[in-house]
Protein backbone atom coordinates (compact mmCIF):
# COMPACT_ATOMS: atom_id res chain seq x y z
CA MET A 1 142.04 123.19 88.53
CA SER A 2 145.84 122.96 88.91
CA ARG A 3 147.27 125.12 91.63
CA TRP A 4 150.66 126.06 92.67
CA LYS A 5 151.59 125.95 96.43
CA ALA A 6 153.58 128.87 97.95
CA ALA A 7 155.24 128.68 101.19
CA SER A 8 156.51 131.59 103.20
CA ALA A 9 160.30 132.43 103.64
CA LEU A 10 161.28 129.94 106.11
CA THR A 11 159.43 126.99 105.10
CA MET A 12 161.52 124.15 104.01
CA ALA A 13 159.92 123.95 100.74
CA VAL A 14 156.57 124.75 99.08
CA THR A 15 154.31 122.39 97.42
CA ALA A 16 156.33 123.83 94.61
CA ALA A 17 159.29 122.64 96.27
CA LEU A 18 158.31 120.33 98.99
CA VAL A 19 161.79 119.13 100.19
CA LEU A 20 163.13 117.55 103.13
CA SER A 21 166.42 117.65 104.68
CA ALA A 22 168.45 114.45 105.30
CA CYS A 23 169.11 114.04 108.90
CA GLY A 24 169.41 110.87 110.77
CA GLY A 25 166.38 109.07 111.55
CA GLY A 26 163.90 109.18 114.55
CA GLY A 27 164.51 106.08 116.38
CA ASP A 28 162.30 103.34 116.96
CA ASN A 29 158.68 104.53 116.35
CA GLY A 30 157.12 101.14 115.69
CA SER A 31 156.55 102.03 112.03
CA THR A 32 155.16 99.21 109.95
CA ASP A 33 153.56 101.28 107.13
CA GLN A 34 155.08 103.17 104.29
CA ASN A 35 157.20 106.02 104.52
CA GLY A 36 157.82 105.76 108.37
CA SER A 37 154.21 106.29 109.34
CA SER A 38 153.63 105.22 112.95
CA THR A 39 150.44 103.46 112.34
CA ASP A 40 148.41 102.06 109.29
CA VAL A 41 147.45 105.55 108.15
CA LYS A 42 146.23 103.84 104.92
CA SER A 43 142.94 102.77 106.89
CA MET A 44 142.29 106.55 107.57
CA ALA A 45 142.11 107.61 103.94
CA VAL A 46 138.49 106.46 103.52
CA GLY A 47 135.57 108.59 105.09
CA LYS A 48 133.72 106.99 107.89
CA ALA A 49 130.50 107.00 105.75
CA GLU A 50 131.95 106.73 102.43
CA ASN A 51 130.75 104.18 99.95
CA ALA A 52 133.69 103.63 97.51
CA GLN A 53 131.85 100.95 95.56
CA ALA A 54 128.90 103.21 94.72
CA GLY A 55 131.22 106.24 94.37
CA THR A 56 129.49 108.19 97.12
CA PHE A 57 130.58 110.50 99.95
CA LYS A 58 128.99 111.86 103.14
CA LEU A 59 130.20 112.95 106.52
CA GLY A 60 129.86 110.16 108.93
CA ASP A 61 128.20 110.31 112.27
CA ALA A 62 130.82 111.30 115.16
CA PRO A 63 130.27 112.96 118.69
CA SER A 64 130.17 116.80 118.79
CA TRP A 65 132.80 118.22 121.08
CA ASP A 66 133.95 121.64 122.06
CA GLY A 67 137.49 121.75 121.02
CA PRO A 68 139.04 123.97 119.85
CA VAL A 69 141.21 121.81 117.67
CA THR A 70 144.25 123.93 116.33
CA VAL A 71 145.74 122.87 112.81
CA GLY A 72 149.05 123.85 111.57
CA ILE A 73 149.50 124.57 107.86
CA ASP A 74 152.49 126.04 105.99
CA ASP A 75 151.12 129.07 104.64
CA ALA A 76 148.18 131.57 105.51
CA TYR A 77 144.68 131.64 104.31
CA SER A 78 144.14 134.81 102.21
CA ALA A 79 140.83 134.46 100.24
CA TYR A 80 137.32 133.06 100.37
CA ASN A 81 137.38 132.86 96.51
CA ASN A 82 140.28 130.57 95.59
CA GLN A 83 139.44 130.91 91.70
CA THR A 84 141.36 134.11 90.68
CA PRO A 85 144.98 134.03 89.60
CA ASP A 86 146.07 135.77 92.76
CA THR A 87 144.39 133.64 95.14
CA ASN A 88 144.78 130.27 93.57
CA THR A 89 146.65 128.40 96.21
CA SER A 90 146.28 125.23 98.15
CA TYR A 91 146.51 126.92 101.39
CA ASN A 92 143.06 128.73 100.79
CA TYR A 93 141.57 125.34 99.72
CA TYR A 94 142.91 123.78 103.06
CA VAL A 95 140.46 126.07 104.80
CA ILE A 96 137.47 126.41 102.45
CA VAL A 97 137.28 122.76 101.88
CA ALA A 98 135.17 122.44 105.18
CA VAL A 99 133.27 125.68 104.37
CA LEU A 100 132.22 125.66 100.70
CA ALA A 101 130.27 122.45 99.73
CA GLY A 102 130.56 121.21 96.12
CA SER A 103 129.48 118.42 93.82
CA ASN A 104 132.42 116.14 94.49
CA MET A 105 134.78 114.99 97.34
CA LEU A 106 138.12 113.25 97.02
CA ASP A 107 138.98 110.79 99.58
CA GLY A 108 142.54 109.94 100.95
CA ASN A 109 142.89 107.53 98.15
CA ASN A 110 142.38 110.28 95.45
CA LYS A 111 138.96 108.74 94.21
CA PRO A 112 136.47 111.23 93.03
CA LEU A 113 133.20 110.82 94.88
CA LEU A 114 129.60 112.29 94.73
CA ASN A 115 128.92 114.32 97.57
CA THR A 116 125.61 113.07 98.82
CA ASP A 117 125.46 115.75 101.46
CA VAL A 118 124.33 118.16 98.73
CA LEU A 119 123.61 116.37 95.66
CA ASP A 120 121.45 113.42 94.78
CA SER A 121 123.15 112.79 91.42
CA TRP A 122 125.43 113.88 88.53
CA ASP A 123 124.44 111.96 85.39
CA VAL A 124 125.42 111.88 81.91
CA THR A 125 121.87 112.16 80.58
CA SER A 126 122.81 112.44 76.84
CA THR A 127 125.69 111.71 74.77
CA SER A 128 124.76 113.59 71.70
CA PRO A 129 125.01 116.41 72.55
CA TYR A 130 127.13 115.35 75.73
CA THR A 131 124.75 116.59 78.42
CA VAL A 132 125.48 116.37 82.47
CA THR A 133 122.66 116.91 84.74
CA TYR A 134 123.03 117.73 88.57
CA LYS A 135 120.27 117.15 90.82
CA ILE A 136 120.60 119.15 94.01
CA LYS A 137 119.58 117.73 97.31
CA PRO A 138 116.57 119.66 98.64
CA GLY A 139 116.94 121.66 101.69
CA VAL A 140 120.64 122.55 101.38
CA LYS A 141 121.23 126.03 102.79
CA TRP A 142 123.99 128.66 103.05
CA SER A 143 124.84 129.62 106.74
CA ASP A 144 122.96 132.97 106.34
CA GLY A 145 119.72 130.99 105.65
CA ALA A 146 119.59 131.36 101.78
CA PRO A 147 119.01 128.22 99.77
CA TRP A 148 122.19 126.66 98.23
CA ASN A 149 120.84 125.92 94.81
CA CYS A 150 121.10 126.05 90.91
CA LYS A 151 121.90 129.69 90.85
CA ASP A 152 125.14 129.00 92.61
CA TYR A 153 125.96 126.24 89.97
CA TYR A 154 125.10 128.96 87.24
CA LEU A 155 127.45 131.41 88.81
CA ALA A 156 130.13 128.98 89.03
CA TYR A 157 129.61 128.16 85.22
CA LEU A 158 129.62 131.79 84.06
CA ALA A 159 132.56 132.87 86.30
CA ASN A 160 134.98 129.88 85.44
CA ARG A 161 134.36 129.50 81.80
CA GLY A 162 136.34 132.62 81.10
CA THR A 163 133.42 134.96 80.57
CA THR A 164 134.43 138.44 80.10
CA GLY A 165 134.70 140.63 83.40
CA PHE A 166 135.55 137.42 85.35
CA ASN A 167 139.37 136.69 85.97
CA ALA A 168 139.40 132.87 86.50
CA ALA A 169 142.65 131.38 87.22
CA ALA A 170 141.83 128.52 84.83
CA THR A 171 138.76 127.57 82.63
CA ALA A 172 139.59 123.90 81.65
CA GLY A 173 136.52 121.93 81.41
CA TYR A 174 134.10 125.06 82.13
CA ASP A 175 135.13 126.33 78.57
CA LEU A 176 133.74 123.33 76.98
CA ILE A 177 130.28 123.64 78.27
CA ASP A 178 128.20 124.99 75.43
CA SER A 179 125.22 126.06 77.47
CA ALA A 180 124.05 125.82 81.00
CA LYS A 181 120.55 126.38 82.54
CA CYS A 182 118.40 125.89 85.70
CA THR A 183 115.29 123.93 84.81
CA ASP A 184 114.20 124.39 88.27
CA ASP A 185 115.84 125.31 91.57
CA GLN A 186 117.24 121.85 92.23
CA THR A 187 118.27 121.08 88.62
CA PHE A 188 121.26 122.18 86.71
CA VAL A 189 121.88 121.00 83.23
CA THR A 190 125.00 121.45 81.21
CA THR A 191 125.59 120.73 77.63
CA TYR A 192 129.00 120.45 76.12
CA LYS A 193 130.57 121.15 72.95
CA GLN A 194 132.29 117.67 72.81
CA PRO A 195 132.26 114.76 75.31
CA TYR A 196 134.04 115.39 78.50
CA ILE A 197 134.57 112.50 80.81
CA ASP A 198 136.23 114.58 83.43
CA TYR A 199 133.12 116.42 84.21
CA LYS A 200 133.17 115.06 87.87
CA GLY A 201 136.23 117.45 88.55
CA LEU A 202 133.99 120.55 87.89
CA PHE A 203 131.87 122.30 90.40
CA ASP A 204 133.94 121.59 93.32
CA GLY A 205 133.54 123.47 96.52
CA ALA A 206 136.01 126.19 95.61
CA ALA A 207 133.92 127.01 92.63
CA MET A 208 130.59 127.44 94.38
CA LEU A 209 130.23 130.73 95.68
CA PRO A 210 126.89 132.39 96.83
CA ALA A 211 125.17 133.86 93.97
CA HIS A 212 122.59 135.48 96.18
CA VAL A 213 125.22 137.63 97.87
CA LEU A 214 126.51 138.60 94.40
CA GLU A 215 122.97 139.46 93.25
CA ALA A 216 122.48 141.42 96.34
CA LYS A 217 125.79 143.58 96.16
CA THR A 218 125.58 144.22 92.54
CA GLY A 219 121.96 144.80 92.17
CA ILE A 220 121.62 142.09 89.52
CA PRO A 221 118.22 140.55 90.20
CA ASP A 222 118.74 137.02 88.67
CA ILE A 223 122.27 135.81 87.65
CA THR A 224 120.87 133.13 85.63
CA GLN A 225 119.58 135.80 83.11
CA LEU A 226 123.12 136.79 82.13
CA ASN A 227 125.08 134.64 79.57
CA PRO A 228 128.51 135.05 78.10
CA ASN A 229 126.97 137.44 75.46
CA SER A 230 125.03 139.74 77.85
CA ASP A 231 125.61 143.35 78.15
CA PRO A 232 129.27 143.75 78.74
CA ALA A 233 128.49 146.46 81.51
CA LEU A 234 126.47 143.85 83.38
CA LEU A 235 129.01 141.12 83.18
CA LYS A 236 131.63 143.50 84.21
CA LYS A 237 129.67 144.52 87.37
CA ALA A 238 129.32 140.79 88.15
CA GLY A 239 132.91 139.97 87.39
CA ASP A 240 134.24 142.79 89.29
CA PHE A 241 132.51 141.42 92.43
CA TRP A 242 133.43 137.90 91.80
CA THR A 243 136.96 138.70 91.18
CA ASN A 244 137.75 141.39 93.73
CA GLU A 245 135.51 141.36 96.64
CA TRP A 246 135.72 137.90 98.06
CA LYS A 247 139.37 138.30 99.44
CA GLY A 248 140.21 137.73 103.20
CA PHE A 249 137.05 137.48 105.33
CA ASN A 250 133.90 139.47 105.43
CA LYS A 251 131.12 137.79 107.47
CA ASP A 252 128.48 139.67 105.69
CA ILE A 253 129.32 138.46 102.20
CA MET A 254 131.07 135.16 102.90
CA PRO A 255 128.48 132.57 104.23
CA ALA A 256 129.24 128.88 104.27
CA SER A 257 127.66 125.83 102.64
CA GLY A 258 129.66 123.19 104.13
CA PRO A 259 129.72 122.00 107.81
CA TYR A 260 132.00 124.80 109.16
CA MET A 261 131.87 128.64 108.70
CA ILE A 262 134.47 131.17 109.02
CA THR A 263 133.92 133.04 111.99
CA ALA A 264 137.23 135.08 112.36
CA PHE A 265 140.40 135.97 110.39
CA ASP A 266 143.54 137.34 111.91
CA GLN A 267 145.73 138.26 108.92
CA ASN A 268 148.51 139.39 111.14
CA GLN A 269 148.80 136.00 112.83
CA GLY A 270 147.87 133.92 109.90
CA ALA A 271 144.67 132.36 111.77
CA VAL A 272 141.44 131.47 110.62
CA THR A 273 138.60 130.51 113.02
CA LEU A 274 136.02 127.91 111.88
CA GLU A 275 132.80 127.01 113.81
CA LYS A 276 129.69 124.86 113.17
CA ASN A 277 127.47 126.18 110.32
CA PRO A 278 124.06 126.00 111.97
CA ASN A 279 122.31 125.36 108.74
CA TRP A 280 124.56 122.25 107.58
CA ILE A 281 122.19 119.67 106.37
CA GLY A 282 124.72 116.80 106.93
CA ALA A 283 126.11 115.03 110.09
CA LYS A 284 126.66 117.61 112.91
CA GLY A 285 129.68 115.98 114.67
CA GLY A 286 133.27 116.89 115.06
CA PRO A 287 135.01 119.61 117.02
CA ASN A 288 132.82 122.87 117.32
CA LYS A 289 135.70 124.99 116.67
CA ILE A 290 138.83 124.69 114.60
CA ILE A 291 141.59 127.16 114.27
CA VAL A 292 143.70 126.96 111.34
CA LYS A 293 147.20 128.73 111.71
CA SER A 294 150.07 129.13 109.52
CA PHE A 295 153.48 128.31 110.53
CA SER A 296 156.61 129.66 108.43
CA ASP A 297 158.82 126.85 109.93
CA THR A 298 157.72 123.20 109.68
CA LYS A 299 160.23 122.51 112.65
CA ALA A 300 158.36 125.21 114.69
CA MET A 301 155.03 123.68 113.70
CA ALA A 302 156.31 120.16 115.01
CA THR A 303 157.27 121.95 118.43
CA ALA A 304 153.97 123.51 118.61
CA LEU A 305 152.31 120.06 118.56
CA GLN A 306 154.75 118.79 120.94
CA ASN A 307 154.16 121.46 123.54
CA GLY A 308 150.18 120.84 123.04
CA GLU A 309 149.67 124.32 121.36
CA ILE A 310 148.31 122.65 118.16
CA GLN A 311 146.73 119.42 117.84
CA VAL A 312 147.37 118.80 114.03
CA VAL A 313 150.33 119.40 111.88
CA ALA A 314 149.35 119.39 108.30
CA SER A 315 152.33 120.24 106.01
CA THR A 316 153.20 119.76 102.48
CA GLN A 317 156.74 120.89 102.99
CA PRO A 318 158.14 118.73 105.79
CA ASP A 319 161.71 118.39 106.56
CA ALA A 320 163.51 115.74 108.39
CA THR A 321 164.27 117.36 111.55
CA ALA A 322 160.47 117.97 111.93
CA ALA A 323 159.82 114.58 110.83
CA ASP A 324 162.14 113.08 113.44
CA THR A 325 160.70 115.36 116.14
CA LEU A 326 157.22 113.86 115.26
CA LYS A 327 158.21 110.38 115.00
CA GLY A 328 159.61 110.69 118.45
CA LEU A 329 156.28 111.69 120.07
CA SER A 330 154.41 108.44 119.92
CA ALA A 331 154.70 107.99 123.59
CA GLN A 332 152.93 111.31 123.85
CA GLY A 333 149.99 109.80 121.87
CA VAL A 334 151.05 111.43 118.50
CA THR A 335 150.41 109.58 115.31
CA TYR A 336 152.63 110.44 112.40
CA GLY A 337 151.96 109.87 108.61
CA SER A 338 153.27 110.72 105.25
CA ALA A 339 152.01 109.89 101.69
CA PRO A 340 152.66 111.21 98.18
CA GLN A 341 150.53 114.17 97.11
CA LEU A 342 148.78 115.01 93.91
CA SER A 343 151.59 117.29 93.25
CA TYR A 344 155.02 117.36 91.50
CA GLU A 345 157.92 119.41 91.81
CA HIS A 346 159.45 120.24 88.36
CA LEU A 347 161.73 122.69 86.21
CA ASP A 348 159.94 124.66 83.53
CA MET A 349 162.16 125.88 80.72
CA GLN A 350 161.24 129.39 79.41
CA TYR A 351 160.79 129.24 75.45
CA LYS A 352 161.18 133.09 75.31
CA ASN A 353 164.83 132.87 76.77
CA PRO A 354 167.34 133.01 73.83
CA ILE A 355 169.49 130.16 75.17
CA LEU A 356 166.51 127.76 76.14
CA LYS A 357 164.91 128.24 72.79
CA ASP A 358 167.89 125.92 71.53
CA GLU A 359 166.71 122.37 72.10
CA ALA A 360 170.22 121.20 72.50
CA ALA A 361 170.66 123.58 75.40
CA ARG A 362 167.49 122.04 76.92
CA LYS A 363 168.57 118.48 76.29
CA ALA A 364 172.18 119.23 77.95
CA LEU A 365 170.57 120.60 81.08
CA PHE A 366 168.29 117.57 81.36
CA GLN A 367 171.39 115.22 80.99
CA VAL A 368 173.46 117.07 83.47
CA ILE A 369 170.77 117.17 86.15
CA ASP A 370 170.92 114.05 88.54
CA ARG A 371 167.56 113.91 90.13
CA SER A 372 168.34 111.00 92.22
CA ALA A 373 171.00 113.01 94.11
CA ILE A 374 168.22 115.49 94.68
CA THR A 375 165.90 112.90 96.17
CA ASP A 376 168.45 110.87 98.03
CA LYS A 377 169.94 114.05 99.66
CA LEU A 378 166.88 116.05 100.36
CA LEU A 379 163.92 113.81 100.59
CA LYS A 380 164.63 110.13 101.90
CA GLU A 381 164.25 110.94 105.59
CA VAL A 382 160.42 111.76 105.07
CA GLN A 383 159.69 109.35 102.36
CA SER A 384 162.01 106.57 102.42
CA ASP A 385 160.88 105.05 99.12
CA ILE A 386 161.16 108.41 97.14
CA THR A 387 162.42 108.25 93.50
CA PRO A 388 162.57 110.80 90.63
CA MET A 389 159.39 111.05 88.88
CA ASN A 390 159.20 110.21 85.10
CA SER A 391 156.12 111.86 83.86
CA LEU A 392 154.40 115.27 83.86
CA ILE A 393 150.79 113.97 83.40
CA TYR A 394 150.82 110.77 85.64
CA LEU A 395 152.05 110.51 89.19
CA PRO A 396 153.80 107.40 90.13
CA THR A 397 150.70 105.93 91.91
CA ASP A 398 148.49 106.36 88.73
CA GLN A 399 147.39 103.52 86.68
CA GLY A 400 148.50 105.16 83.49
CA TYR A 401 152.20 106.16 84.87
CA GLN A 402 155.06 105.37 82.48
CA ASP A 403 158.61 106.40 82.62
CA VAL A 404 159.52 109.01 79.79
CA TYR A 405 162.33 110.69 81.28
CA SER A 406 165.00 108.39 82.81
CA ASP A 407 166.70 108.12 79.50
CA LYS A 408 166.92 111.78 79.02
CA ALA A 409 167.95 113.00 82.48
CA GLY A 410 171.20 112.30 84.76
CA LYS A 411 173.35 111.00 81.87
CA GLY A 412 176.22 113.05 83.40
CA ALA A 413 178.54 115.92 82.20
CA ALA A 414 180.20 114.01 79.50
CA GLU A 415 176.99 113.29 77.66
CA ALA A 416 176.03 116.96 77.86
CA LYS A 417 179.06 118.20 76.54
CA LYS A 418 178.82 115.98 73.60
CA THR A 419 175.15 117.22 72.98
CA LEU A 420 176.52 120.86 73.02
CA GLU A 421 179.57 120.37 70.99
CA ALA A 422 177.30 118.72 68.23
CA ASP A 423 175.32 121.73 68.01
CA GLY A 424 178.15 124.13 67.86
CA TRP A 425 178.78 125.23 71.37
CA THR A 426 182.39 125.69 72.36
CA LEU A 427 184.04 125.68 75.72
CA GLY A 428 185.19 129.25 76.76
CA ALA A 429 188.33 130.18 78.61
CA ASP A 430 186.21 130.58 81.74
CA GLY A 431 185.02 126.95 81.44
CA ILE A 432 181.40 127.87 80.25
CA TYR A 433 180.06 126.82 76.88
CA GLN A 434 179.38 129.67 74.49
CA LYS A 435 177.57 130.03 71.08
CA ASN A 436 177.18 132.98 68.67
CA GLY A 437 178.90 135.13 71.40
CA GLN A 438 176.45 133.99 74.20
CA ARG A 439 177.47 132.10 77.26
CA PHE A 440 175.55 129.26 78.50
CA SER A 441 174.15 130.93 81.77
CA VAL A 442 170.79 130.58 83.11
CA THR A 443 168.92 131.33 86.24
CA ILE A 444 166.51 129.20 88.08
CA SER A 445 163.99 131.16 90.02
CA HIS A 446 161.83 129.98 92.97
CA ASN A 447 160.24 131.26 96.02
CA ASN A 448 161.96 132.00 99.23
CA ASN A 449 162.78 128.53 100.97
CA ALA A 450 165.91 126.97 102.26
CA ARG A 451 165.19 123.52 100.59
CA ARG A 452 164.88 124.90 97.03
CA ASP A 453 168.02 126.72 97.60
CA GLN A 454 169.56 123.24 98.29
CA THR A 455 167.97 121.71 95.15
CA VAL A 456 169.41 124.66 93.11
CA GLU A 457 172.98 124.25 94.74
CA LEU A 458 173.06 120.46 93.82
CA ILE A 459 172.06 121.47 90.18
CA GLN A 460 174.74 124.17 89.94
CA SER A 461 177.38 121.68 90.96
CA GLN A 462 176.26 119.08 88.30
CA ALA A 463 175.74 121.77 85.74
CA LYS A 464 179.35 123.33 86.20
CA ALA A 465 181.06 120.17 85.54
CA ALA A 466 179.43 120.27 81.96
CA GLY A 467 180.44 124.00 81.46
CA ILE A 468 177.02 125.32 82.19
CA GLU A 469 176.42 128.23 84.48
CA VAL A 470 173.52 128.12 86.80
CA LYS A 471 172.35 131.08 89.07
CA ASN A 472 169.97 130.91 91.92
CA ASP A 473 167.27 133.40 92.16
CA ASN A 474 165.43 133.23 95.43
CA ASP A 475 162.56 135.52 95.22
CA PRO A 476 159.78 135.51 98.10
CA ASN A 477 157.32 136.94 95.73
CA PHE A 478 158.20 134.70 92.74
CA LEU A 479 154.94 132.70 93.07
CA SER A 480 152.61 135.30 94.43
CA GLY A 481 153.99 138.48 92.90
CA GLY A 482 153.11 137.58 89.24
CA ARG A 483 156.69 136.57 88.09
CA VAL A 484 155.83 132.99 87.43
CA SER A 485 152.32 133.66 85.72
CA THR A 486 153.95 136.17 83.44
CA GLY A 487 156.74 134.00 82.37
CA ASN A 488 159.44 136.18 83.96
CA TYR A 489 162.20 133.64 84.46
CA ASP A 490 164.76 131.63 82.63
CA ILE A 491 163.92 128.36 84.34
CA ALA A 492 161.11 128.15 87.16
CA LEU A 493 161.28 125.76 90.00
CA PHE A 494 157.91 125.15 91.76
CA ALA A 495 155.18 122.24 92.01
CA TRP A 496 151.86 121.96 90.26
CA SER A 497 149.01 120.39 92.38
CA GLN A 498 146.02 119.31 90.63
CA PRO A 499 143.09 116.94 91.01
CA PRO A 500 143.17 113.31 89.46
CA PHE A 501 141.54 114.38 86.18
CA LYS A 502 144.18 114.58 83.48
CA SER A 503 142.35 117.16 81.33
CA GLN A 504 143.65 119.51 83.95
CA SER A 505 147.17 119.20 82.15
CA GLN A 506 145.99 120.50 78.97
CA PRO A 507 146.09 124.27 80.00
CA LEU A 508 149.74 123.69 81.29
CA TYR A 509 151.21 122.35 78.05
CA SER A 510 149.09 123.30 75.33
CA THR A 511 149.76 126.34 72.98
CA GLY A 512 148.27 129.41 74.39
CA GLY A 513 147.09 127.48 77.47
CA ASN A 514 146.22 130.01 80.34
CA GLN A 515 148.63 128.21 82.50
CA ASN A 516 151.23 127.63 80.00
CA TRP A 517 153.47 130.33 81.46
CA GLN A 518 156.51 128.94 79.84
CA ASN A 519 155.37 129.69 76.29
CA PHE A 520 155.81 126.04 75.43
CA SER A 521 154.30 125.01 71.93
CA ASP A 522 154.12 121.74 69.96
CA PRO A 523 151.32 121.19 67.37
CA LYS A 524 151.66 117.39 68.00
CA VAL A 525 151.06 117.95 71.82
CA ASP A 526 147.98 120.35 71.01
CA ASP A 527 146.55 117.76 68.89
CA THR A 528 147.02 114.69 70.96
CA PHE A 529 145.41 116.73 74.16
CA LYS A 530 142.40 117.70 71.89
CA GLN A 531 141.84 114.03 71.25
CA ALA A 532 142.39 113.01 74.75
CA VAL A 533 139.93 115.46 76.26
CA VAL A 534 137.10 114.41 73.96
CA ALA A 535 137.72 110.79 74.51
CA THR A 536 134.63 108.90 75.57
CA ASP A 537 136.38 106.00 77.52
CA GLU A 538 139.21 105.94 79.94
CA ALA A 539 141.44 103.37 78.15
CA THR A 540 141.59 105.61 75.03
CA ALA A 541 142.03 108.78 76.94
CA THR A 542 144.97 107.31 78.92
CA LYS A 543 146.67 106.11 75.78
CA LEU A 544 146.35 109.60 74.25
CA TYR A 545 147.52 111.30 77.65
CA GLN A 546 150.47 109.03 77.61
CA GLN A 547 151.48 109.96 73.83
CA ALA A 548 151.13 113.81 74.84
CA ASP A 549 153.43 113.07 77.90
CA SER A 550 156.09 111.39 75.82
CA GLN A 551 156.11 114.21 73.20
CA ILE A 552 156.59 116.79 75.83
CA ALA A 553 159.39 114.74 77.27
CA GLN A 554 161.10 114.61 73.72
CA ASP A 555 160.68 118.32 73.36
CA TYR A 556 162.78 118.79 76.81
CA ALA A 557 160.26 121.36 77.91
CA SER A 558 159.82 120.57 81.46
CA LEU A 559 161.82 118.32 83.75
CA PRO A 560 159.83 116.59 86.51
CA LEU A 561 161.85 116.02 89.72
CA TYR A 562 159.63 114.00 92.18
CA ALA A 563 156.16 113.59 93.51
CA VAL A 564 155.91 115.79 96.46
CA PRO A 565 155.20 114.01 99.62
CA SER A 566 153.04 115.49 102.60
CA MET A 567 153.71 115.01 106.36
CA TRP A 568 151.01 115.14 109.06
CA ALA A 569 150.69 114.25 112.72
CA PHE A 570 148.14 114.50 115.33
CA GLN A 571 147.20 113.89 118.75
CA GLY A 572 143.82 113.85 120.73
CA ILE A 573 141.80 112.87 117.56
CA ASP A 574 140.75 109.41 116.32
CA ARG A 575 142.28 109.77 112.74
CA VAL A 576 143.33 112.35 110.59
CA TYR A 577 144.37 111.98 106.91
CA MET A 578 146.19 114.59 104.97
CA GLN A 579 144.26 114.41 101.56
CA SER A 580 146.80 115.11 98.78
CA TYR A 581 144.61 118.03 97.20
CA LEU A 582 142.24 119.09 99.93
CA GLY A 583 144.43 119.05 102.92
CA ALA A 584 143.46 117.51 106.32
CA LEU A 585 140.03 119.04 106.93
CA TRP A 586 138.16 117.42 104.23
CA ASN A 587 136.41 115.18 106.72
CA ALA A 588 136.98 117.25 109.97
CA GLY A 589 133.24 117.02 110.62
CA GLU A 590 133.78 113.43 111.52
CA TRP A 591 136.75 113.74 113.80
CA ALA A 592 136.05 112.23 116.94
CA GLN A 593 137.83 113.03 120.19
CA LYS A 594 140.36 110.54 121.56
């Protein structure tokens, strides 16, 4: 599922706008790795008991120690259920990745792995019809003692496929499941309407909520007896609980299936306390207590690490000042790392806007925006090799990455003016182009953070030279208040974060997609996505996704700016890796005290 990341008001950028300031550089930190990391952080990207060749993951053995370990993140946890439109943020996942177990785990190299702590296998058991069978490991339990079993998978299927009554943030993949059934407590069988090679991206930890709790609280005796065509009143009862009741923290209805459970939540302080799940079936090591705390300012987070108030900085919106502080703490035993995330900052054009409906207007905007000026001025300090991103579907580190934007963006004011004048736009007395009595004036909207303001300021200057007026709309509730998801903007500046399954791009850029908030529509793109999603081999799928990517670029629908880098640092622990989709706690159960 694609997620947006929102930072609080003073954070330098959200994943949607992970930006970094350009201050001078942090002195000699002994860096030999990419992006100024203070040691070979690449070696920390693999779990201690991971078998990459076999494609399996389990928590590795480590000593158990008291802690507490306090981890700083950019925004606060808010919900146990991260799958609804109003809760679907990375910052919830950064907590629940250690609390809710699922079929898969992504390591630091973004490799999808079978989570063998809870699952024995996930096999394609038939290709006609396309069938995937999950074999659940015997003995897996929730922290309240109830079994973690096929019912939990069935609830995840029912809720995330878009069943009436359940308000799921995204349904991609789940909506292709034609039928699902529990053949026994340990076996879950899904039959698809069509081939779906990205099935490994479904039924992750965030999707796997406790069916036994929902049954007890709603009076529904067996969730597996409901189906999408069941009595609407029963579906509404189940859906209302799933959608509305798993917010914040309530110990009675929010057990854990992973190595840690939530034991306290201080909403005012933005702090969540995690302690060991006594019923966890896997390795028992790692710190006994972890506190995850939000910081509104990345610099304050760095200072807190320097002062020993926290032990881990895990930021997706770093700035250069904070980076310099952390790099300068090597003598204090602090390790600093940075790496690209599965996240990209971009500009979405709203097709309902009367100006941006005009392709020439969109094209001129693309031509006038110099993305290198943005990355050079705002990001180089944290990731020295940062360059503009030239794809919406593939990240620069992906094998299928191709450049389909550098010939469309950054061409300069003169080219933008030629494009507008060829389309009938004329330069007004105020220096702004107009057509049919309408000035070329558009607003870029984003959440409240200083770095996005700086991004817009750079674009404003570039656009003005081409006779285009750009206004800055800094709205702290832009991402979380429903504006972005209802398409209430001219141009939206934010970032998508998504797992390494390219089918997750379909709902963003297909006609009527439930995350296509910009109302973009191109039948060629729709058709290509449909073919790509049903492809039965990676090579064919890659070729088709590349075609869709190229066509979206030709439509001048969305302009990618850069792949968003993360920044993390830690002390007193042997190794921490900021996984680009899951955060730092994906393998917290194998952290050893240093």
